[in-house]
C-alpha atoms as a PDB file:
ATOM      1  CA  MET A   1      24.348  -6.793  11.877  1.00  0.00           C
ATOM      2  CA  VAL A   2      21.442  -5.750   9.657  1.00  0.00           C
ATOM      3  CA  ASP A   3      22.308  -7.397   5.925  1.00  0.00           C
ATOM      4  CA  ARG A   4      18.438  -7.540   5.032  1.00  0.00           C
ATOM      5  CA  GLN A   5      15.788  -5.115   3.858  1.00  0.00           C
ATOM      6  CA  ILE A   6      12.014  -5.591   3.744  1.00  0.00           C
ATOM      7  CA  ILE A   7      10.447  -2.966   1.660  1.00  0.00           C
ATOM      8  CA  TRP A   8       6.958  -2.213   3.666  1.00  0.00           C
ATOM      9  CA  ASP A   9       4.037  -1.095   1.969  1.00  0.00           C
ATOM     10  CA  TRP A  10       1.717   0.744   4.179  1.00  0.00           C
ATOM     11  CA  ASN A  11      -2.649   0.821   2.540  1.00  0.00           C
ATOM     12  CA  GLY A  12      -3.880  -2.069   2.427  1.00  0.00           C
ATOM     13  CA  THR A  13      -0.482  -4.037   3.624  1.00  0.00           C
ATOM     14  CA  LEU A  14      -0.133  -2.892   7.219  1.00  0.00           C
ATOM     15  CA  LEU A  15      -3.149  -0.199   7.479  1.00  0.00           C
ATOM     16  CA  ASN A  16      -6.074  -2.077   6.810  1.00  0.00           C
ATOM     17  CA  ASP A  17      -8.317   1.092   4.934  1.00  0.00           C
ATOM     18  CA  ILE A  18      -9.740  -0.644   2.823  1.00  0.00           C
ATOM     19  CA  ASP A  19     -13.133  -0.225   4.429  1.00  0.00           C
ATOM     20  CA  ALA A  20     -12.527   3.477   4.848  1.00  0.00           C
ATOM     21  CA  ALA A  21     -11.672   3.749   0.617  1.00  0.00           C
ATOM     22  CA  LEU A  22     -14.429   1.699  -0.197  1.00  0.00           C
ATOM     23  CA  ALA A  23     -16.224   4.239   2.262  1.00  0.00           C
ATOM     24  CA  ALA A  24     -14.897   7.651   0.556  1.00  0.00           C
ATOM     25  CA  ALA A  25     -15.306   6.260  -2.923  1.00  0.00           C
ATOM     26  CA  ASN A  26     -18.902   5.251  -2.387  1.00  0.00           C
ATOM     27  CA  GLN A  27     -19.925   8.161  -0.810  1.00  0.00           C
ATOM     28  CA  MET A  28     -18.127  10.108  -3.541  1.00  0.00           C
ATOM     29  CA  LEU A  29     -20.416   8.053  -5.653  1.00  0.00           C
ATOM     30  CA  ALA A  30     -23.218   8.028  -4.490  1.00  0.00           C
ATOM     31  CA  SER A  31     -23.478  12.732  -4.512  1.00  0.00           C
ATOM     32  CA  ARG A  32     -23.180  12.022  -7.928  1.00  0.00           C
ATOM     33  CA  ASP A  33     -25.402   9.227  -8.297  1.00  0.00           C
ATOM     34  CA  LEU A  34     -23.500   7.117  -9.746  1.00  0.00           C
ATOM     35  CA  PRO A  35     -23.762   3.432  -8.102  1.00  0.00           C
ATOM     36  CA  THR A  36     -22.089   2.397  -5.849  1.00  0.00           C
ATOM     37  CA  LEU A  37     -19.659  -1.083  -5.692  1.00  0.00           C
ATOM     38  CA  THR A  38     -19.342  -3.989  -3.631  1.00  0.00           C
ATOM     39  CA  LEU A  39     -16.096  -4.548  -1.566  1.00  0.00           C
ATOM     40  CA  ASP A  40     -15.837  -7.611  -4.423  1.00  0.00           C
ATOM     41  CA  ARG A  41     -16.520  -5.374  -7.222  1.00  0.00           C
ATOM     42  CA  TYR A  42     -13.648  -2.348  -5.202  1.00  0.00           C
ATOM     43  CA  ARG A  43     -10.478  -5.571  -4.769  1.00  0.00           C
ATOM     44  CA  GLU A  44     -11.519  -6.356  -8.477  1.00  0.00           C
ATOM     45  CA  ILE A  45     -10.825  -2.317 -10.230  1.00  0.00           C
ATOM     46  CA  PHE A  46      -8.156  -1.250  -8.250  1.00  0.00           C
ATOM     47  CA  GLY A  47      -5.390  -0.198  -8.855  1.00  0.00           C
ATOM     48  CA  PHE A  48      -2.723   2.422  -9.918  1.00  0.00           C
ATOM     49  CA  PRO A  49      -2.445   5.092 -11.008  1.00  0.00           C
ATOM     50  CA  VAL A  50      -5.896   5.142  -9.434  1.00  0.00           C
ATOM     51  CA  ARG A  51      -6.715   7.711 -11.918  1.00  0.00           C
ATOM     52  CA  GLY A  52      -7.740   3.936 -13.948  1.00  0.00           C
ATOM     53  CA  PHE A  53      -9.177   2.819 -11.023  1.00  0.00           C
ATOM     54  CA  TYR A  54     -11.907   6.155 -11.076  1.00  0.00           C
ATOM     55  CA  ARG A  55     -12.992   5.872 -14.298  1.00  0.00           C
ATOM     56  CA  LEU A  56     -13.940   1.730 -13.821  1.00  0.00           C
ATOM     57  CA  ALA A  57     -15.488   2.458 -10.386  1.00  0.00           C
ATOM     58  CA  GLY A  58     -17.939   4.789 -12.573  1.00  0.00           C
ATOM     59  CA  PHE A  59     -16.850   8.428 -12.377  1.00  0.00           C
ATOM     60  CA  ARG A  60     -16.969  10.705 -14.958  1.00  0.00           C
ATOM     61  CA  LEU A  61     -13.504  12.421 -15.114  1.00  0.00           C
ATOM     62  CA  GLU A  62     -13.896  14.304 -18.391  1.00  0.00           C
ATOM     63  CA  ASN A  63     -16.627  16.778 -16.290  1.00  0.00           C
ATOM     64  CA  GLU A  64     -14.678  16.810 -12.467  1.00  0.00           C
ATOM     65  CA  ASP A  65     -11.666  18.739 -11.020  1.00  0.00           C
ATOM     66  CA  TRP A  66      -9.014  16.073 -10.622  1.00  0.00           C
ATOM     67  CA  ASP A  67      -7.282  17.686  -7.725  1.00  0.00           C
ATOM     68  CA  ALA A  68     -10.335  18.623  -6.199  1.00  0.00           C
ATOM     69  CA  MET A  69     -11.606  14.606  -6.786  1.00  0.00           C
ATOM     70  CA  ALA A  70      -8.257  13.968  -5.012  1.00  0.00           C
ATOM     71  CA  CYS A  71      -8.644  16.584  -1.960  1.00  0.00           C
ATOM     72  CA  GLU A  72     -12.556  15.158  -1.428  1.00  0.00           C
ATOM     73  CA  PHE A  73     -11.366  11.896  -1.654  1.00  0.00           C
ATOM     74  CA  HIS A  74      -8.480  12.165   0.902  1.00  0.00           C
ATOM     75  CA  ARG A  75     -11.427  14.623   3.442  1.00  0.00           C
ATOM     76  CA  ILE A  76     -13.886  11.789   3.573  1.00  0.00           C
ATOM     77  CA  PHE A  77     -11.447   8.753   3.723  1.00  0.00           C
ATOM     78  CA  LEU A  78      -8.860  10.356   6.416  1.00  0.00           C
ATOM     79  CA  SER A  79     -12.460  10.788   8.698  1.00  0.00           C
ATOM     80  CA  GLN A  80     -14.016   7.294   8.114  1.00  0.00           C
ATOM     81  CA  PRO A  81     -13.851   5.401  12.139  1.00  0.00           C
ATOM     82  CA  THR A  82     -12.604   1.413  10.602  1.00  0.00           C
ATOM     83  CA  MET A  83      -9.116   2.979   9.671  1.00  0.00           C
ATOM     84  CA  ARG A  84      -6.468   0.884  11.952  1.00  0.00           C
ATOM     85  CA  LEU A  85      -3.345  -1.072  11.510  1.00  0.00           C
ATOM     86  CA  PHE A  86      -4.104  -5.675  11.133  1.00  0.00           C
ATOM     87  CA  ASP A  87      -4.324  -6.848  14.277  1.00  0.00           C
ATOM     88  CA  ASP A  88      -0.845  -8.445  13.663  1.00  0.00           C
ATOM     89  CA  THR A  89       1.006  -5.151  11.772  1.00  0.00           C
ATOM     90  CA  ILE A  90       3.465  -4.508  15.177  1.00  0.00           C
ATOM     91  CA  PRO A  91       4.263  -8.238  16.275  1.00  0.00           C
ATOM     92  CA  THR A  92       5.672  -8.669  12.694  1.00  0.00           C
ATOM     93  CA  LEU A  93       7.776  -5.243  12.377  1.00  0.00           C
ATOM     94  CA  GLU A  94       8.881  -6.235  16.188  1.00  0.00           C
ATOM     95  CA  HIS A  95      10.153  -9.563  14.211  1.00  0.00           C
ATOM     96  CA  PHE A  96      11.684  -8.444  12.255  1.00  0.00           C
ATOM     97  CA  GLN A  97      13.129  -5.607  13.453  1.00  0.00           C
ATOM     98  CA  LYS A  98      15.112  -8.371  16.001  1.00  0.00           C
ATOM     99  CA  SER A  99      15.886 -10.516  13.407  1.00  0.00           C
ATOM    100  CA  GLY A 100      17.821  -8.323  12.126  1.00  0.00           C
ATOM    101  CA  TYR A 101      16.284  -6.918   9.092  1.00  0.00           C
ATOM    102  CA  ARG A 102      16.422  -2.880   8.122  1.00  0.00           C
ATOM    103  CA  GLN A 103      12.808  -2.024   7.580  1.00  0.00           C
ATOM    104  CA  VAL A 104      11.356   0.887   5.220  1.00  0.00           C
ATOM    105  CA  MET A 105       8.308   2.623   4.036  1.00  0.00           C
ATOM    106  CA  LEU A 106       7.117   2.492   0.499  1.00  0.00           C
ATOM    107  CA  SER A 107       3.644   3.812  -0.296  1.00  0.00           C
ATOM    108  CA  ALA A 108       1.164   5.807  -2.639  1.00  0.00           C
ATOM    109  CA  SER A 109       0.090   8.371  -0.304  1.00  0.00           C
ATOM    110  CA  LYS A 110       1.277  12.002   0.042  1.00  0.00           C
ATOM    111  CA  GLN A 111       4.606  11.972   1.772  1.00  0.00           C
ATOM    112  CA  GLU A 112       3.140  14.334   4.945  1.00  0.00           C
ATOM    113  CA  LEU A 113       0.119  11.989   5.395  1.00  0.00           C
ATOM    114  CA  LEU A 114       1.556   9.147   5.331  1.00  0.00           C
ATOM    115  CA  THR A 115       4.645  10.214   7.811  1.00  0.00           C
ATOM    116  CA  GLY A 116       1.950  12.243   9.635  1.00  0.00           C
ATOM    117  CA  MET A 117      -0.180   8.513  10.043  1.00  0.00           C
ATOM    118  CA  ILE A 118       2.699   6.499  10.696  1.00  0.00           C
ATOM    119  CA  GLY A 119       3.679   9.103  13.854  1.00  0.00           C
ATOM    120  CA  GLN A 120      -0.227   8.286  14.954  1.00  0.00           C
ATOM    121  CA  PHE A 121       0.038   4.845  14.844  1.00  0.00           C
ATOM    122  CA  LYS A 122       3.550   4.966  17.015  1.00  0.00           C
ATOM    123  CA  LEU A 123       5.474   3.133  14.076  1.00  0.00           C
ATOM    124  CA  THR A 124       8.628   5.798  13.640  1.00  0.00           C
ATOM    125  CA  PRO A 125      11.058   3.530  15.694  1.00  0.00           C
ATOM    126  CA  TYR A 126      10.738   0.146  13.913  1.00  0.00           C
ATOM    127  CA  PHE A 127      11.639   2.249  10.023  1.00  0.00           C
ATOM    128  CA  ASP A 128      15.268   3.251   8.887  1.00  0.00           C
ATOM    129  CA  ALA A 129      13.384   5.489   5.697  1.00  0.00           C
ATOM    130  CA  VAL A 130       9.657   6.553   4.748  1.00  0.00           C
ATOM    131  CA  LYS A 131       9.247   7.348   1.330  1.00  0.00           C
ATOM    132  CA  GLY A 132       5.680   8.912   0.418  1.00  0.00           C
ATOM    133  CA  ILE A 133       4.762  10.729  -2.816  1.00  0.00           C
ATOM    134  CA  ASP A 134       4.597  14.847  -3.283  1.00  0.00           C
ATOM    135  CA  THR A 135       0.801  14.407  -4.558  1.00  0.00           C
ATOM    136  CA  LEU A 136      -3.178  12.779  -3.503  1.00  0.00           C
ATOM    137  CA  TYR A 137      -2.953  10.575  -7.006  1.00  0.00           C
ATOM    138  CA  GLY A 138      -1.868   7.797  -6.053  1.00  0.00           C
ATOM    139  CA  THR A 139       0.415   7.256  -8.884  1.00  0.00           C
ATOM    140  CA  SER A 140       3.563   4.691  -9.491  1.00  0.00           C
ATOM    141  CA  LYS A 141       6.252   4.176  -6.921  1.00  0.00           C
ATOM    142  CA  ILE A 142       8.834   2.718  -8.965  1.00  0.00           C
ATOM    143  CA  GLU A 143      10.992   6.391  -8.782  1.00  0.00           C
ATOM    144  CA  LEU A 144      10.848   6.700  -5.703  1.00  0.00           C
ATOM    145  CA  GLY A 145      11.846   3.369  -5.273  1.00  0.00           C
ATOM    146  CA  LYS A 146      14.658   3.553  -7.268  1.00  0.00           C
ATOM    147  CA  GLU A 147      15.668   6.256  -4.819  1.00  0.00           C
ATOM    148  CA  LEU A 148      14.602   4.376  -2.036  1.00  0.00           C
ATOM    149  CA  LEU A 149      17.511   1.460  -3.041  1.00  0.00           C
ATOM    150  CA  ARG A 150      19.985   4.264  -3.820  1.00  0.00           C
ATOM    151  CA  GLN A 151      19.969   5.415  -0.381  1.00  0.00           C
ATOM    152  CA  SER A 152      20.006   2.118   1.093  1.00  0.00           C
ATOM    153  CA  PRO A 153      23.135  -0.212   2.173  1.00  0.00           C
ATOM    154  CA  ILE A 154      21.245  -3.199   1.232  1.00  0.00           C
ATOM    155  CA  PRO A 155      21.433  -4.593  -2.215  1.00  0.00           C
ATOM    156  CA  PRO A 156      18.859  -5.968  -4.413  1.00  0.00           C
ATOM    157  CA  GLU A 157      19.182  -9.000  -3.332  1.00  0.00           C
ATOM    158  CA  ARG A 158      18.613  -9.044  -0.116  1.00  0.00           C
ATOM    159  CA  THR A 159      15.352  -7.571  -0.237  1.00  0.00           C
ATOM    160  CA  ILE A 160      12.219  -7.860   0.015  1.00  0.00           C
ATOM    161  CA  MET A 161       8.690  -5.812  -0.996  1.00  0.00           C
ATOM    162  CA  ILE A 162       6.011  -6.737   0.627  1.00  0.00           C
ATOM    163  CA  GLY A 163       2.648  -5.308  -0.570  1.00  0.00           C
ATOM    164  CA  ASP A 164      -0.930  -6.074  -1.454  1.00  0.00           C
ATOM    165  CA  THR A 165      -1.119  -5.040  -5.092  1.00  0.00           C
ATOM    166  CA  LEU A 166       0.098  -6.116  -8.754  1.00  0.00           C
ATOM    167  CA  HIS A 167       2.098  -2.887  -8.520  1.00  0.00           C
ATOM    168  CA  ASP A 168       3.786  -3.821  -5.709  1.00  0.00           C
ATOM    169  CA  ALA A 169       5.264  -6.811  -7.824  1.00  0.00           C
ATOM    170  CA  GLU A 170       5.783  -4.528 -10.247  1.00  0.00           C
ATOM    171  CA  VAL A 171       8.449  -2.177  -8.198  1.00  0.00           C
ATOM    172  CA  ALA A 172       9.534  -5.223  -7.107  1.00  0.00           C
ATOM    173  CA  ALA A 173      10.721  -6.764 -10.692  1.00  0.00           C
ATOM    174  CA  ALA A 174      11.587  -3.185 -11.617  1.00  0.00           C
ATOM    175  CA  LEU A 175      14.162  -2.981  -8.326  1.00  0.00           C
ATOM    176  CA  GLY A 176      15.463  -5.746  -8.798  1.00  0.00           C
ATOM    177  CA  THR A 177      14.476  -6.613  -5.508  1.00  0.00           C
ATOM    178  CA  SER A 178      12.111 -10.229  -4.048  1.00  0.00           C
ATOM    179  CA  CYS A 179       8.259  -9.705  -3.631  1.00  0.00           C
ATOM    180  CA  ILE A 180       5.473 -11.413  -1.159  1.00  0.00           C
ATOM    181  CA  LEU A 181       1.800 -10.218  -1.794  1.00  0.00           C
ATOM    182  CA  VAL A 182      -0.208 -10.276   0.946  1.00  0.00           C
ATOM    183  CA  ALA A 183      -4.121 -10.661   0.040  1.00  0.00           C
ATOM    184  CA  ARG A 184      -6.130  -9.670   2.148  1.00  0.00           C
ATOM    185  CA  GLY A 185      -5.602  -5.419   1.373  1.00  0.00           C
ATOM    186  CA  HIS A 186      -7.162  -3.237  -1.830  1.00  0.00           C
ATOM    187  CA  GLN A 187      -6.610  -6.274  -3.994  1.00  0.00           C
ATOM    188  CA  SER A 188      -8.382  -9.872  -4.562  1.00  0.00           C
ATOM    189  CA  LEU A 189      -6.231 -13.075  -4.886  1.00  0.00           C
ATOM    190  CA  ARG A 190      -7.537 -13.967  -7.995  1.00  0.00           C
ATOM    191  CA  ARG A 191      -5.392 -10.756  -9.904  1.00  0.00           C
ATOM    192  CA  LEU A 192      -2.887 -11.491  -7.525  1.00  0.00           C
ATOM    193  CA  GLN A 193      -1.990 -14.678  -8.332  1.00  0.00           C
ATOM    194  CA  THR A 194      -1.677 -13.906 -11.805  1.00  0.00           C
ATOM    195  CA  ALA A 195       1.897 -11.819 -10.192  1.00  0.00           C
ATOM    196  CA  GLY A 196       3.351 -15.190 -10.270  1.00  0.00           C
ATOM    197  CA  VAL A 197       5.076 -14.440  -7.544  1.00  0.00           C
ATOM    198  CA  PRO A 198       4.777 -15.565  -3.423  1.00  0.00           C
ATOM    199  CA  LEU A 199       1.195 -15.099  -1.529  1.00  0.00           C
ATOM    200  CA  THR A 200       0.088 -14.901   2.128  1.00  0.00           C
ATOM    201  CA  ALA A 201      -2.872 -14.350   4.058  1.00  0.00           C
ATOM    202  CA  THR A 202      -1.501 -12.296   6.963  1.00  0.00           C
ATOM    203  CA  LEU A 203       1.271 -11.022   8.095  1.00  0.00           C
ATOM    204  CA  SER A 204       1.967 -13.479   9.994  1.00  0.00           C
ATOM    205  CA  GLU A 205       2.860 -16.624   7.945  1.00  0.00           C
ATOM    206  CA  LEU A 206       5.658 -14.218   6.380  1.00  0.00           C
ATOM    207  CA  ARG A 207       7.920 -15.719   9.144  1.00  0.00           C
ATOM    208  CA  VAL A 208       7.484 -18.998   7.691  1.00  0.00           C
ATOM    209  CA  LEU A 209       7.536 -18.111   3.759  1.00  0.00           C
ATOM    210  CA  LEU A 210      10.980 -15.758   4.793  1.00  0.00           C
ATOM    211  CA  GLY A 211      12.352 -18.615   6.805  1.00  0.00           C
ATOM    212  CA  GLU A 212      12.544 -17.705   9.543  1.00  0.00           C
END
Protein backbone atom coordinates (compact mmCIF):
# COMPACT_ATOMS: atom_id res chain seq x y z
CA MET A 1 0.00 0.00 0.00
CA VAL A 2 1.35 3.42 -0.97
CA ASP A 3 0.99 5.68 2.06
CA ARG A 4 4.13 7.87 1.89
CA GLN A 5 5.17 10.50 -0.59
CA ILE A 6 8.33 12.23 -1.77
CA ILE A 7 8.20 15.58 -3.53
CA TRP A 8 11.38 15.78 -5.57
CA ASP A 9 13.06 18.92 -6.79
CA TRP A 10 14.68 18.54 -10.22
CA ASN A 11 17.60 20.87 -10.97
CA GLY A 12 20.55 20.19 -8.71
CA THR A 13 18.76 17.38 -6.88
CA LEU A 14 18.15 14.66 -9.46
CA LEU A 15 19.67 16.48 -12.44
CA ASN A 16 23.35 17.42 -12.22
CA ASP A 17 23.17 20.72 -14.08
CA ILE A 18 25.29 22.97 -11.86
CA ASP A 19 28.18 23.22 -14.32
CA ALA A 20 25.74 23.86 -17.16
CA ALA A 21 24.01 26.67 -15.26
CA LEU A 22 27.33 28.25 -14.28
CA ALA A 23 28.59 28.06 -17.88
CA ALA A 24 25.42 29.69 -19.17
CA ALA A 25 25.56 32.50 -16.62
CA ASN A 26 29.24 33.12 -17.33
CA GLN A 27 28.74 33.17 -21.09
CA MET A 28 26.05 35.80 -20.63
CA LEU A 29 28.24 37.85 -18.27
CA ALA A 30 31.23 37.67 -20.60
CA SER A 31 29.15 38.79 -23.59
CA ARG A 32 28.31 41.93 -21.59
CA ASP A 33 31.94 42.53 -20.52
CA LEU A 34 31.01 41.75 -16.90
CA PRO A 35 33.14 39.69 -14.46
CA THR A 36 32.36 35.97 -14.49
CA LEU A 37 31.55 33.77 -11.48
CA THR A 38 33.48 31.02 -9.78
CA LEU A 39 31.51 27.93 -8.75
CA ASP A 40 31.83 28.90 -5.08
CA ARG A 41 30.50 32.40 -5.77
CA TYR A 42 27.65 30.97 -7.84
CA ARG A 43 26.58 28.70 -4.98
CA GLU A 44 26.74 31.60 -2.53
CA ILE A 45 24.39 33.86 -4.52
CA PHE A 46 22.03 31.53 -6.42
CA GLY A 47 18.44 31.54 -5.22
CA PHE A 48 14.76 32.05 -6.00
CA PRO A 49 13.28 34.02 -7.54
CA VAL A 50 16.21 33.94 -9.95
CA ARG A 51 15.87 37.62 -10.77
CA GLY A 52 17.66 38.32 -7.49
CA PHE A 53 20.45 35.96 -8.50
CA TYR A 54 20.97 37.79 -11.78
CA ARG A 55 21.27 41.09 -9.94
CA LEU A 56 23.79 39.69 -7.45
CA ALA A 57 25.73 38.14 -10.35
CA GLY A 58 26.30 41.63 -11.74
CA PHE A 59 23.74 41.93 -14.52
CA ARG A 60 22.34 45.44 -14.93
CA LEU A 61 18.70 44.42 -15.06
CA GLU A 62 17.50 47.98 -15.60
CA ASN A 63 19.20 47.80 -19.01
CA GLU A 64 17.92 44.33 -19.90
CA ASP A 65 14.83 42.81 -21.46
CA TRP A 66 13.90 40.20 -18.84
CA ASP A 67 12.06 37.95 -21.30
CA ALA A 68 15.04 38.01 -23.65
CA MET A 69 17.44 37.25 -20.78
CA ALA A 70 15.43 34.23 -19.68
CA CYS A 71 15.35 32.89 -23.23
CA GLU A 72 19.08 33.56 -23.68
CA PHE A 73 19.96 31.69 -20.50
CA HIS A 74 17.88 28.64 -21.36
CA ARG A 75 19.19 28.52 -24.93
CA ILE A 76 22.78 28.41 -23.68
CA PHE A 77 21.97 26.21 -20.69
CA LEU A 78 20.23 23.53 -22.76
CA SER A 79 23.15 23.39 -25.19
CA GLN A 80 25.67 22.43 -22.49
CA PRO A 81 27.14 18.91 -22.84
CA THR A 82 27.78 18.56 -19.09
CA MET A 83 24.14 18.10 -18.10
CA ARG A 84 23.39 14.61 -16.78
CA LEU A 85 21.65 12.73 -14.00
CA PHE A 86 23.54 12.23 -10.76
CA ASP A 87 24.87 8.66 -10.63
CA ASP A 88 22.56 7.78 -7.72
CA THR A 89 19.38 9.29 -9.22
CA ILE A 90 17.91 6.20 -10.90
CA PRO A 91 18.89 3.73 -8.13
CA THR A 92 17.29 6.06 -5.58
CA LEU A 93 14.06 6.51 -7.54
CA GLU A 94 13.85 2.75 -8.05
CA HIS A 95 14.42 2.09 -4.35
CA PHE A 96 11.69 4.43 -3.13
CA GLN A 97 9.25 3.26 -5.78
CA LYS A 98 9.74 -0.33 -4.62
CA SER A 99 9.52 0.78 -0.97
CA GLY A 100 5.97 2.05 -1.36
CA TYR A 101 6.50 5.77 -1.86
CA ARG A 102 4.41 7.90 -4.18
CA GLN A 103 6.92 10.12 -6.01
CA VAL A 104 6.09 13.48 -7.56
CA MET A 105 8.14 16.27 -9.10
CA LEU A 106 7.92 19.96 -8.17
CA SER A 107 10.22 22.28 -10.10
CA ALA A 108 10.77 25.95 -10.90
CA SER A 109 11.49 24.87 -14.48
CA LYS A 110 8.94 25.57 -17.19
CA GLN A 111 6.42 22.72 -17.46
CA GLU A 112 7.13 21.88 -21.11
CA LEU A 113 10.88 21.91 -20.55
CA LEU A 114 10.54 19.83 -17.39
CA THR A 115 8.39 17.07 -18.87
CA GLY A 116 10.59 16.97 -21.95
CA MET A 117 13.76 16.50 -19.93
CA ILE A 118 12.23 13.86 -17.67
CA GLY A 119 11.17 11.97 -20.77
CA GLN A 120 14.60 12.41 -22.35
CA PHE A 121 16.23 10.82 -19.28
CA LYS A 122 13.57 8.05 -19.24
CA LEU A 123 12.32 8.95 -15.74
CA THR A 124 8.61 9.38 -16.52
CA PRO A 125 7.56 5.98 -15.05
CA TYR A 126 8.86 6.95 -11.61
CA PHE A 127 6.54 9.94 -11.11
CA ASP A 128 2.83 10.08 -10.38
CA ALA A 129 2.75 13.82 -11.08
CA VAL A 130 5.11 16.44 -12.51
CA LYS A 131 4.57 20.12 -11.76
CA GLY A 132 6.53 22.97 -13.32
CA ILE A 133 5.85 26.67 -13.69
CA ASP A 134 4.36 28.30 -16.80
CA THR A 135 7.28 30.67 -17.55
CA LEU A 136 11.07 30.62 -17.84
CA TYR A 137 11.40 33.03 -14.92
CA GLY A 138 12.34 30.64 -12.08
CA THR A 139 9.77 31.92 -9.60
CA SER A 140 8.43 30.44 -6.34
CA LYS A 141 7.12 26.88 -6.17
CA ILE A 142 4.87 27.35 -3.13
CA GLU A 143 1.53 27.76 -4.92
CA LEU A 144 2.34 24.89 -7.28
CA GLY A 145 3.19 22.76 -4.26
CA LYS A 146 -0.16 23.52 -2.64
CA GLU A 147 -1.92 22.50 -5.84
CA LEU A 148 0.15 19.32 -5.97
CA LEU A 149 -0.87 18.36 -2.43
CA ARG A 150 -4.54 19.13 -3.08
CA GLN A 151 -4.44 16.59 -5.89
CA SER A 152 -2.54 13.99 -3.87
CA PRO A 153 -4.04 11.15 -1.82
CA ILE A 154 -1.14 11.42 0.63
CA PRO A 155 -1.39 14.05 3.43
CA PRO A 156 1.42 16.56 4.18
CA GLU A 157 2.45 14.76 7.36
CA ARG A 158 3.28 11.68 5.27
CA THR A 159 5.17 13.71 2.68
CA ILE A 160 8.80 14.80 2.48
CA MET A 161 10.31 17.46 0.25
CA ILE A 162 13.80 16.73 -1.10
CA GLY A 163 15.72 19.53 -2.78
CA ASP A 164 19.00 21.40 -2.95
CA THR A 165 18.10 25.01 -2.07
CA LEU A 166 16.75 27.08 0.79
CA HIS A 167 13.64 27.64 -1.31
CA ASP A 168 12.87 23.92 -1.09
CA ALA A 169 12.90 24.24 2.71
CA GLU A 170 10.61 27.29 2.42
CA VAL A 171 8.23 25.32 0.22
CA ALA A 172 8.18 22.42 2.68
CA ALA A 173 7.40 24.77 5.58
CA ALA A 174 4.57 26.38 3.61
CA LEU A 175 3.11 22.99 2.70
CA GLY A 176 3.47 21.46 6.15
CA THR A 177 5.78 18.67 4.98
CA SER A 178 9.17 17.59 6.27
CA CYS A 179 12.29 18.35 4.27
CA ILE A 180 15.77 17.05 3.52
CA LEU A 181 18.28 19.10 1.55
CA VAL A 182 21.01 17.61 -0.62
CA ALA A 183 24.22 19.61 -0.24
CA ARG A 184 25.78 19.15 -3.66
CA GLY A 185 23.54 21.26 -5.86
CA HIS A 186 23.03 24.95 -6.56
CA GLN A 187 23.66 26.31 -3.06
CA SER A 188 26.56 25.92 -0.67
CA LEU A 189 26.57 23.73 2.43
CA ARG A 190 27.05 26.84 4.56
CA ARG A 191 23.82 28.34 3.27
CA LEU A 192 21.83 25.11 3.53
CA GLN A 193 22.85 24.69 7.16
CA THR A 194 20.84 27.82 8.00
CA ALA A 195 17.58 26.06 7.01
CA GLY A 196 17.53 23.92 10.16
CA VAL A 197 16.53 20.73 8.33
CA PRO A 198 18.44 17.46 7.83
CA LEU A 199 21.17 17.56 5.21
CA THR A 200 22.67 14.80 3.10
CA ALA A 201 25.68 14.74 0.79
CA THR A 202 24.16 12.24 -1.65
CA LEU A 203 20.81 10.70 -2.56
CA SER A 204 22.14 7.31 -1.45
CA GLU A 205 22.23 8.55 2.15
CA LEU A 206 18.49 9.24 2.08
CA ARG A 207 17.74 5.61 2.91
CA VAL A 208 19.46 6.02 6.27
CA LEU A 209 17.79 9.34 7.02
CA LEU A 210 14.36 7.93 6.18
CA GLY A 211 14.93 4.69 8.09
CA GLU A 212 14.97 2.54 4.96
